[in-house]
């Protein structure tokens, strides 16, 4: 549905502006007139400006928190959305809220509107909202969504903060390498190669490569920059993430960390879905789909098939022989006590703490390794430059004798 930006004159002669979802400019003008506003300008915005963008997690948390709070206080959903629409500043948030306001007035459901923005609101989000609409517990659904999004955001922030130092060191190494290769070594290599000093093959190769890079830096440097940006964009796509996971998962430490993150995400997602009354097979399918480790994803269909044919959830997970025994035991305990959602929520919190501890331990090991690699790289470059100097000194001393 098109979105229109508008400027309108208020009854007190002040100008207000905003955006609305409507079928046409005429409909926007009619809506504004009913609100005692005089339209000044109405312009259709391109749908592509918003459809492919993703709403930041902080915006989603705020959206869920405010809607949950206003619904809890007894405010109607349409009034709650109108209040938020006036206060929001993020363009995509305003687009979503405007779409919600228009669609609700035309008899559509909240979940149907959220489903139009798959890059911002995934299947889990839409399912929780749909469940809240059916059961009449929409406020609780928004609170649960906020809690889950906040937990995942906190975990990501912890991981990002912990990996910041190694990332800065790696970027600094890359910058020094580019500086040496394109600007410093070409000048040194030109001097030594013109002196016809006896050099080993490694040094000759290094100098020739650096001189070639220095001569063509106008082409090579932008190409390198574009290639790095392209790789960053590619690895941020679903296919790129799957490829990256396939490449790094053979490393034991990384594989264990990915498994822990997957299990934490699965437990939180499954627990939230069950607590809102989503059928177990649908909840299981959505929760398993949230996993990124290929070993887990490969067994998703088999687990769902076993549960569909009447096996208990604990037996289905145990038969895969890939999930940790702790998960199987907690599921079995939850099934017996009738508190599966609570058991999984507690287990999810446990694994989130495990991920944080594992990241910190890995960083403590990674930091000295990075420094060792930096030292080896710098040492190799220094030897490549100092070697010819010693050869020249040796030649001069031999000539004096």
Protein backbone atom coordinates (compact mmCIF):
# COMPACT_ATOMS: atom_id res chain seq x y z
CA UNK A 1 0.00 0.00 0.00
CA UNK A 2 1.44 3.44 -0.92
CA UNK A 3 2.63 5.82 1.76
CA UNK A 4 2.22 9.57 1.37
CA UNK A 5 4.06 12.36 3.14
CA UNK A 6 2.04 15.49 3.76
CA UNK A 7 2.16 19.03 5.05
CA UNK A 8 -1.05 20.47 6.43
CA UNK A 9 -2.26 23.64 8.09
CA UNK A 10 -3.64 23.27 11.62
CA UNK A 11 -6.66 25.26 12.86
CA UNK A 12 -4.23 27.52 14.77
CA UNK A 13 -2.37 28.29 11.49
CA UNK A 14 0.68 26.19 12.40
CA UNK A 15 2.06 23.71 9.89
CA UNK A 16 2.26 19.99 10.72
CA UNK A 17 3.78 17.23 8.63
CA UNK A 18 3.77 13.45 8.68
CA UNK A 19 2.96 10.37 6.62
CA UNK A 20 -0.12 8.24 5.95
CA UNK A 21 -0.95 4.98 4.21
CA UNK A 22 -3.74 5.41 1.68
CA UNK A 23 -4.89 4.29 -1.75
CA UNK A 24 -4.54 7.75 -3.29
CA UNK A 25 -3.76 11.41 -2.68
CA UNK A 26 -7.48 12.11 -2.59
CA UNK A 27 -7.91 9.68 0.30
CA UNK A 28 -5.07 11.37 2.20
CA UNK A 29 -6.72 14.75 1.65
CA UNK A 30 -10.03 13.35 2.91
CA UNK A 31 -8.39 11.91 6.07
CA UNK A 32 -6.65 15.23 6.79
CA UNK A 33 -9.85 17.19 6.26
CA UNK A 34 -11.71 14.96 8.74
CA UNK A 35 -9.01 15.83 11.28
CA UNK A 36 -9.65 19.56 10.70
CA UNK A 37 -6.39 19.95 8.78
CA UNK A 38 -5.99 21.85 5.52
CA UNK A 39 -3.71 19.95 3.10
CA UNK A 40 -0.81 22.02 1.73
CA UNK A 41 1.17 19.32 -0.08
CA UNK A 42 0.80 15.54 -0.50
CA UNK A 43 3.59 13.47 -2.03
CA UNK A 44 3.80 9.73 -2.60
CA UNK A 45 6.95 8.09 -1.24
CA UNK A 46 8.64 5.20 -2.98
CA UNK A 47 7.77 1.86 -1.36
CA UNK A 48 11.37 0.69 -1.95
CA UNK A 49 12.60 3.30 0.50
CA UNK A 50 11.28 1.18 3.38
CA UNK A 51 10.33 -2.31 2.22
CA UNK A 52 13.86 -3.72 2.20
CA UNK A 53 15.10 -1.94 5.31
CA UNK A 54 15.26 -3.50 8.74
CA UNK A 55 14.03 -1.86 11.89
CA UNK A 56 16.78 -1.55 14.56
CA UNK A 57 16.34 -3.77 17.60
CA UNK A 58 16.13 -0.75 19.90
CA UNK A 59 13.22 0.61 17.83
CA UNK A 60 11.44 -2.77 18.01
CA UNK A 61 11.96 -2.93 21.78
CA UNK A 62 10.54 0.57 22.23
CA UNK A 63 7.61 -0.22 19.95
CA UNK A 64 6.72 -3.35 21.92
CA UNK A 65 7.24 -1.68 25.30
CA UNK A 66 5.10 1.37 24.56
CA UNK A 67 2.30 -0.57 22.90
CA UNK A 68 2.28 -3.10 25.75
CA UNK A 69 2.20 -0.34 28.38
CA UNK A 70 -0.60 1.61 26.70
CA UNK A 71 -2.71 -1.50 26.12
CA UNK A 72 -2.17 -2.54 29.75
CA UNK A 73 -3.42 0.88 30.90
CA UNK A 74 -6.68 0.32 29.02
CA UNK A 75 -6.01 2.41 25.93
CA UNK A 76 -7.45 1.03 22.68
CA UNK A 77 -4.92 -0.32 20.19
CA UNK A 78 -5.89 2.26 17.55
CA UNK A 79 -5.43 5.12 20.05
CA UNK A 80 -2.10 3.65 21.20
CA UNK A 81 -0.82 3.57 17.64
CA UNK A 82 -1.93 7.15 17.00
CA UNK A 83 -0.07 8.34 20.11
CA UNK A 84 3.09 6.53 19.05
CA UNK A 85 2.78 7.82 15.49
CA UNK A 86 2.90 11.41 16.77
CA UNK A 87 5.92 10.73 19.00
CA UNK A 88 8.05 8.49 16.74
CA UNK A 89 10.92 9.94 14.72
CA UNK A 90 12.41 6.90 12.97
CA UNK A 91 11.07 6.89 9.35
CA UNK A 92 10.52 3.13 9.17
CA UNK A 93 8.76 3.11 12.55
CA UNK A 94 6.46 5.87 11.33
CA UNK A 95 5.83 3.89 8.14
CA UNK A 96 4.88 0.75 10.10
CA UNK A 97 2.69 2.65 12.56
CA UNK A 98 0.97 4.52 9.75
CA UNK A 99 0.31 1.24 7.96
CA UNK A 100 -1.04 -0.26 11.22
CA UNK A 101 -3.36 2.70 11.79
CA UNK A 102 -4.77 2.59 8.27
CA UNK A 103 -5.14 -1.20 8.17
CA UNK A 104 -6.86 -1.41 11.57
CA UNK A 105 -9.39 1.19 10.45
CA UNK A 106 -10.09 -1.03 7.43
CA UNK A 107 -10.60 -4.22 9.41
CA UNK A 108 -7.19 -5.88 9.03
CA UNK A 109 -5.28 -7.58 11.85
CA UNK A 110 -2.04 -6.42 13.45
CA UNK A 111 -0.24 -9.64 12.58
CA UNK A 112 -1.14 -9.25 8.89
CA UNK A 113 0.42 -5.77 8.84
CA UNK A 114 3.60 -6.86 10.63
CA UNK A 115 3.94 -9.73 8.15
CA UNK A 116 4.37 -7.16 5.36
CA UNK A 117 7.77 -6.25 6.83
CA UNK A 118 9.65 -9.60 6.96
CA UNK A 119 13.05 -7.89 7.24
CA UNK A 120 11.94 -6.23 10.48
CA UNK A 121 9.39 -8.64 11.94
CA UNK A 122 10.17 -12.33 11.49
CA UNK A 123 7.81 -15.30 11.63
CA UNK A 124 8.28 -15.57 15.40
CA UNK A 125 7.19 -11.95 15.96
CA UNK A 126 4.14 -12.31 13.70
CA UNK A 127 3.11 -15.60 15.36
CA UNK A 128 3.27 -14.10 18.87
CA UNK A 129 1.14 -11.13 17.79
CA UNK A 130 -1.38 -13.40 16.07
CA UNK A 131 -1.59 -15.57 19.20
CA UNK A 132 -2.16 -12.47 21.34
CA UNK A 133 -4.93 -11.28 19.03
CA UNK A 134 -6.69 -14.64 19.18
CA UNK A 135 -6.40 -15.05 22.95
CA UNK A 136 -7.05 -11.40 23.81
CA UNK A 137 -3.67 -11.04 25.55
CA UNK A 138 -2.03 -8.61 23.15
CA UNK A 139 -0.43 -6.52 25.92
CA UNK A 140 1.29 -9.61 27.37
CA UNK A 141 2.42 -10.60 23.86
CA UNK A 142 4.13 -7.23 23.37
CA UNK A 143 5.81 -7.53 26.79
CA UNK A 144 7.10 -11.01 25.95
CA UNK A 145 8.41 -9.83 22.60
CA UNK A 146 10.19 -6.92 24.26
CA UNK A 147 11.78 -9.28 26.79
CA UNK A 148 13.07 -11.64 24.10
CA UNK A 149 14.35 -8.89 21.81
CA UNK A 150 16.05 -7.19 24.79
CA UNK A 151 17.74 -10.46 25.83
CA UNK A 152 19.07 -11.09 22.31
CA UNK A 153 20.17 -7.46 21.96
CA UNK A 154 22.01 -7.62 25.29
CA UNK A 155 23.79 -10.82 24.24
CA UNK A 156 24.84 -9.27 20.92
CA UNK A 157 26.10 -6.16 22.69
CA UNK A 158 28.15 -8.30 25.08
CA UNK A 159 29.70 -10.25 22.21
CA UNK A 160 30.39 -7.07 20.21
CA UNK A 161 31.99 -5.36 23.20
CA UNK A 162 34.16 -8.37 23.98
CA UNK A 163 35.38 -8.70 20.38
CA UNK A 164 36.02 -4.97 19.95
CA UNK A 165 39.71 -5.11 20.95
CA UNK A 166 40.65 -7.98 18.59
CA UNK A 167 38.70 -6.27 15.80
CA UNK A 168 40.54 -2.96 16.30
CA UNK A 169 43.90 -4.77 16.29
CA UNK A 170 43.00 -6.64 13.09
CA UNK A 171 41.93 -3.41 11.36
CA UNK A 172 45.15 -1.74 12.49
CA UNK A 173 47.16 -4.68 11.12
CA UNK A 174 45.34 -4.42 7.79
CA UNK A 175 45.96 -0.67 7.66
CA UNK A 176 49.69 -1.08 8.40
CA UNK A 177 49.93 -3.83 5.81
CA UNK A 178 48.33 -1.61 3.13
CA UNK A 179 50.60 1.29 4.10
CA UNK A 180 53.72 -0.88 3.88
CA UNK A 181 52.72 -2.64 0.65
CA UNK A 182 51.56 0.38 -1.35
CA UNK A 183 53.74 3.23 -0.05
CA UNK A 184 56.83 2.23 1.99
CA UNK A 185 58.17 -1.03 0.52
CA UNK A 186 57.98 0.18 -3.13
CA UNK A 187 60.40 3.01 -2.33
CA UNK A 188 62.79 0.74 -0.41
CA UNK A 189 62.57 -2.00 -3.05
CA UNK A 190 63.35 0.43 -5.87
CA UNK A 191 66.58 1.46 -4.14
CA UNK A 192 67.82 -2.05 -3.37
CA UNK A 193 66.89 -3.59 -6.73
CA UNK A 194 68.67 -0.79 -8.61
CA UNK A 195 71.85 -1.37 -6.55
CA UNK A 196 72.02 -4.99 -7.84
CA UNK A 197 72.80 -6.28 -4.37
CA UNK A 198 72.57 -10.09 -3.96
CA UNK A 199 69.12 -10.73 -2.46
CA UNK A 200 67.32 -13.91 -1.48
CA UNK A 201 64.28 -14.96 -3.51
CA UNK A 202 61.76 -14.08 -0.76
CA UNK A 203 63.04 -10.49 -0.54
CA UNK A 204 63.09 -10.09 -4.33
CA UNK A 205 59.50 -11.37 -4.59
CA UNK A 206 58.37 -9.04 -1.79
CA UNK A 207 59.99 -5.99 -3.39
CA UNK A 208 58.68 -6.79 -6.89
CA UNK A 209 55.16 -7.29 -5.53
CA UNK A 210 55.35 -4.03 -3.57
CA UNK A 211 56.67 -2.10 -6.59
CA UNK A 212 53.86 -3.47 -8.77
CA UNK A 213 51.30 -2.54 -6.10
CA UNK A 214 52.83 0.93 -5.76
CA UNK A 215 52.70 1.58 -9.52
CA UNK A 216 49.06 0.45 -9.74
CA UNK A 217 47.77 1.74 -6.39
CA UNK A 218 45.26 4.04 -8.14
CA UNK A 219 43.47 0.91 -9.40
CA UNK A 220 44.33 -1.63 -6.70
CA UNK A 221 43.46 0.44 -3.61
CA UNK A 222 39.87 1.29 -4.68
CA UNK A 223 39.43 -2.32 -5.88
CA UNK A 224 40.55 -3.62 -2.47
CA UNK A 225 38.23 -1.19 -0.69
CA UNK A 226 35.25 -2.16 -2.89
CA UNK A 227 36.03 -5.88 -2.45
CA UNK A 228 36.06 -5.53 1.36
CA UNK A 229 32.73 -3.66 1.34
CA UNK A 230 31.26 -6.26 -1.03
CA UNK A 231 32.35 -9.10 1.24
CA UNK A 232 30.86 -7.31 4.24
CA UNK A 233 27.52 -6.88 2.45
CA UNK A 234 27.55 -10.48 1.18
CA UNK A 235 28.26 -12.00 4.59
CA UNK A 236 25.37 -9.97 5.99
CA UNK A 237 22.92 -11.77 3.68
CA UNK A 238 21.27 -15.09 4.52
CA UNK A 239 23.36 -16.97 1.92
CA UNK A 240 26.54 -15.26 3.10
CA UNK A 241 25.84 -16.14 6.73
CA UNK A 242 25.24 -19.78 5.76
CA UNK A 243 28.51 -19.87 3.79
CA UNK A 244 30.43 -18.24 6.63
CA UNK A 245 28.93 -20.70 9.09
CA UNK A 246 29.97 -23.58 6.82
CA UNK A 247 33.53 -22.22 6.65
CA UNK A 248 34.07 -21.54 10.36
CA UNK A 249 32.03 -24.36 11.94
CA UNK A 250 34.83 -26.98 11.57
CA UNK A 251 36.86 -25.03 14.18
CA UNK A 252 35.96 -26.75 17.50
CA UNK A 253 35.87 -23.59 19.65
CA UNK A 254 33.70 -21.71 17.17
CA UNK A 255 31.45 -24.72 16.62
CA UNK A 256 30.80 -25.06 20.37
CA UNK A 257 30.10 -21.33 20.67
CA UNK A 258 27.64 -21.40 17.76
CA UNK A 259 25.88 -24.41 19.31
CA UNK A 260 25.51 -22.60 22.64
CA UNK A 261 24.11 -19.48 20.95
CA UNK A 262 21.70 -21.60 18.91
CA UNK A 263 20.42 -23.49 21.95
CA UNK A 264 19.98 -20.24 23.90
CA UNK A 265 18.01 -18.74 20.99
CA UNK A 266 15.97 -21.94 20.55
CA UNK A 267 15.05 -22.13 24.24
CA UNK A 268 13.95 -18.50 24.46
CA UNK A 269 11.98 -18.65 21.19
CA UNK A 270 10.28 -21.97 21.97
CA UNK A 271 9.50 -20.92 25.54
CA UNK A 272 7.92 -17.63 24.47
CA UNK A 273 5.81 -19.30 21.78
CA UNK A 274 4.56 -21.99 24.15
CA UNK A 275 3.70 -19.47 26.87
CA UNK A 276 1.48 -17.56 24.42
CA UNK A 277 -0.50 -20.66 23.48
CA UNK A 278 1.02 -21.39 20.05
CA UNK A 279 0.54 -25.08 19.08
CA UNK A 280 3.64 -27.12 19.90
CA UNK A 281 4.35 -28.24 16.31
CA UNK A 282 4.14 -24.69 14.96
CA UNK A 283 6.22 -23.36 17.87
CA UNK A 284 8.80 -26.10 17.35
CA UNK A 285 9.07 -25.37 13.65
CA UNK A 286 9.63 -21.65 14.21
CA UNK A 287 12.12 -22.21 17.06
CA UNK A 288 14.17 -24.76 15.09
CA UNK A 289 14.19 -22.46 12.06
CA UNK A 290 15.88 -19.76 14.18
CA UNK A 291 19.01 -21.92 14.52
CA UNK A 292 22.05 -21.29 12.32
CA UNK A 293 24.24 -24.35 12.99
CA UNK A 294 23.90 -26.69 9.99
CA UNK A 295 23.93 -29.82 12.15
CA UNK A 296 20.87 -28.63 14.09
CA UNK A 297 19.00 -27.34 11.03
CA UNK A 298 19.54 -30.62 9.20
CA UNK A 299 17.65 -32.50 11.93
CA UNK A 300 14.78 -30.01 12.24
CA UNK A 301 12.40 -31.86 9.93
CA UNK A 302 13.14 -35.20 11.60
CA UNK A 303 12.33 -33.79 15.06
CA UNK A 304 9.06 -32.24 13.85
CA UNK A 305 8.08 -35.50 12.11
CA UNK A 306 8.70 -37.51 15.30
CA UNK A 307 6.60 -35.13 17.42
CA UNK A 308 3.83 -35.13 14.79
CA UNK A 309 3.69 -38.93 14.86
CA UNK A 310 3.14 -38.95 18.62
CA UNK A 311 6.59 -39.14 20.22
CA UNK A 312 7.36 -36.88 23.14
CA UNK A 313 9.58 -33.89 22.61
CA UNK A 314 12.31 -35.23 24.91
CA UNK A 315 12.51 -38.54 23.01
CA UNK A 316 12.61 -36.73 19.66
CA UNK A 317 15.55 -34.62 20.80
CA UNK A 318 17.29 -37.57 22.44
CA UNK A 319 17.04 -39.65 19.24
CA UNK A 320 19.00 -37.05 17.27
CA UNK A 321 22.08 -37.68 19.48
CA UNK A 322 23.43 -34.23 18.68
CA UNK A 323 21.73 -31.97 21.21
CA UNK A 324 23.34 -31.73 24.67
CA UNK A 325 21.94 -34.03 27.39
CA UNK A 326 21.13 -30.99 29.55
CA UNK A 327 18.60 -29.76 26.97
CA UNK A 328 16.99 -33.21 26.73
CA UNK A 329 16.78 -33.54 30.52
CA UNK A 330 15.24 -30.07 30.94
CA UNK A 331 12.65 -30.82 28.27
CA UNK A 332 11.82 -34.15 29.95
CA UNK A 333 11.52 -32.43 33.34
CA UNK A 334 9.31 -29.70 31.86
CA UNK A 335 7.05 -32.25 30.18
CA UNK A 336 6.56 -34.21 33.39
CA UNK A 337 5.89 -31.15 35.55
CA UNK A 338 3.85 -29.25 32.94
CA UNK A 339 6.24 -26.29 33.08
CA UNK A 340 8.04 -26.75 29.76
CA UNK A 341 7.98 -23.05 28.90
CA UNK A 342 9.50 -22.05 32.27
CA UNK A 343 12.16 -24.78 32.10
CA UNK A 344 13.21 -23.72 28.61
CA UNK A 345 13.31 -20.04 29.60
CA UNK A 346 15.66 -20.85 32.51
CA UNK A 347 17.82 -23.00 30.26
CA UNK A 348 17.98 -20.21 27.68
CA UNK A 349 19.27 -17.80 30.33
CA UNK A 350 21.85 -20.39 31.41
CA UNK A 351 23.19 -20.82 27.88
CA UNK A 352 23.29 -17.05 27.34
CA UNK A 353 25.58 -16.79 30.37
CA UNK A 354 27.66 -19.67 28.99
CA UNK A 355 28.05 -17.83 25.68
CA UNK A 356 29.25 -14.70 27.48
CA UNK A 357 31.80 -16.68 29.50
CA UNK A 358 32.99 -18.59 26.41
CA UNK A 359 33.46 -15.36 24.44
CA UNK A 360 35.51 -13.80 27.24
CA UNK A 361 37.71 -16.90 27.52
CA UNK A 362 38.21 -17.02 23.75
CA UNK A 363 39.17 -13.34 23.71
CA UNK A 364 41.73 -13.86 26.47
CA UNK A 365 43.37 -16.55 24.32
CA UNK A 366 42.94 -14.59 21.09
CA UNK A 367 44.64 -11.39 22.28
CA UNK A 368 48.13 -12.87 22.79
CA UNK A 369 47.76 -14.87 19.55
CA UNK A 370 47.00 -11.67 17.64
CA UNK A 371 50.03 -9.98 19.18
CA UNK A 372 52.15 -13.00 18.22
CA UNK A 373 50.93 -12.82 14.61
CA UNK A 374 51.62 -9.06 14.54
CA UNK A 375 55.12 -9.67 15.90
CA UNK A 376 55.85 -12.38 13.31
CA UNK A 377 54.56 -10.19 10.47
CA UNK A 378 56.55 -7.16 11.55
CA UNK A 379 59.64 -9.32 12.13
CA UNK A 380 59.39 -10.87 8.66
CA UNK A 381 59.11 -7.44 7.05
CA UNK A 382 62.00 -6.06 9.07
CA UNK A 383 64.22 -9.02 8.12
CA UNK A 384 63.28 -8.58 4.46
CA UNK A 385 64.46 -4.96 4.63
CA UNK A 386 67.45 -5.42 6.95
CA UNK A 387 68.79 -8.40 4.94
CA UNK A 388 69.74 -6.28 1.92
CA UNK A 389 71.28 -3.65 4.21
CA UNK A 390 73.59 -6.28 5.70
CA UNK A 391 74.44 -7.46 2.19
CA UNK A 392 75.44 -3.92 1.20
CA UNK A 393 77.52 -3.47 4.34
CA UNK A 394 79.20 -6.84 3.69
CA UNK A 395 79.98 -5.84 0.10
CA UNK A 396 81.46 -2.51 1.20
CA UNK A 397 83.62 -4.19 3.83
CA UNK A 398 84.85 -6.76 1.29
CA UNK A 399 85.72 -3.94 -1.14
CA UNK A 400 87.74 -2.12 1.51
CA UNK A 401 89.80 -5.23 2.13
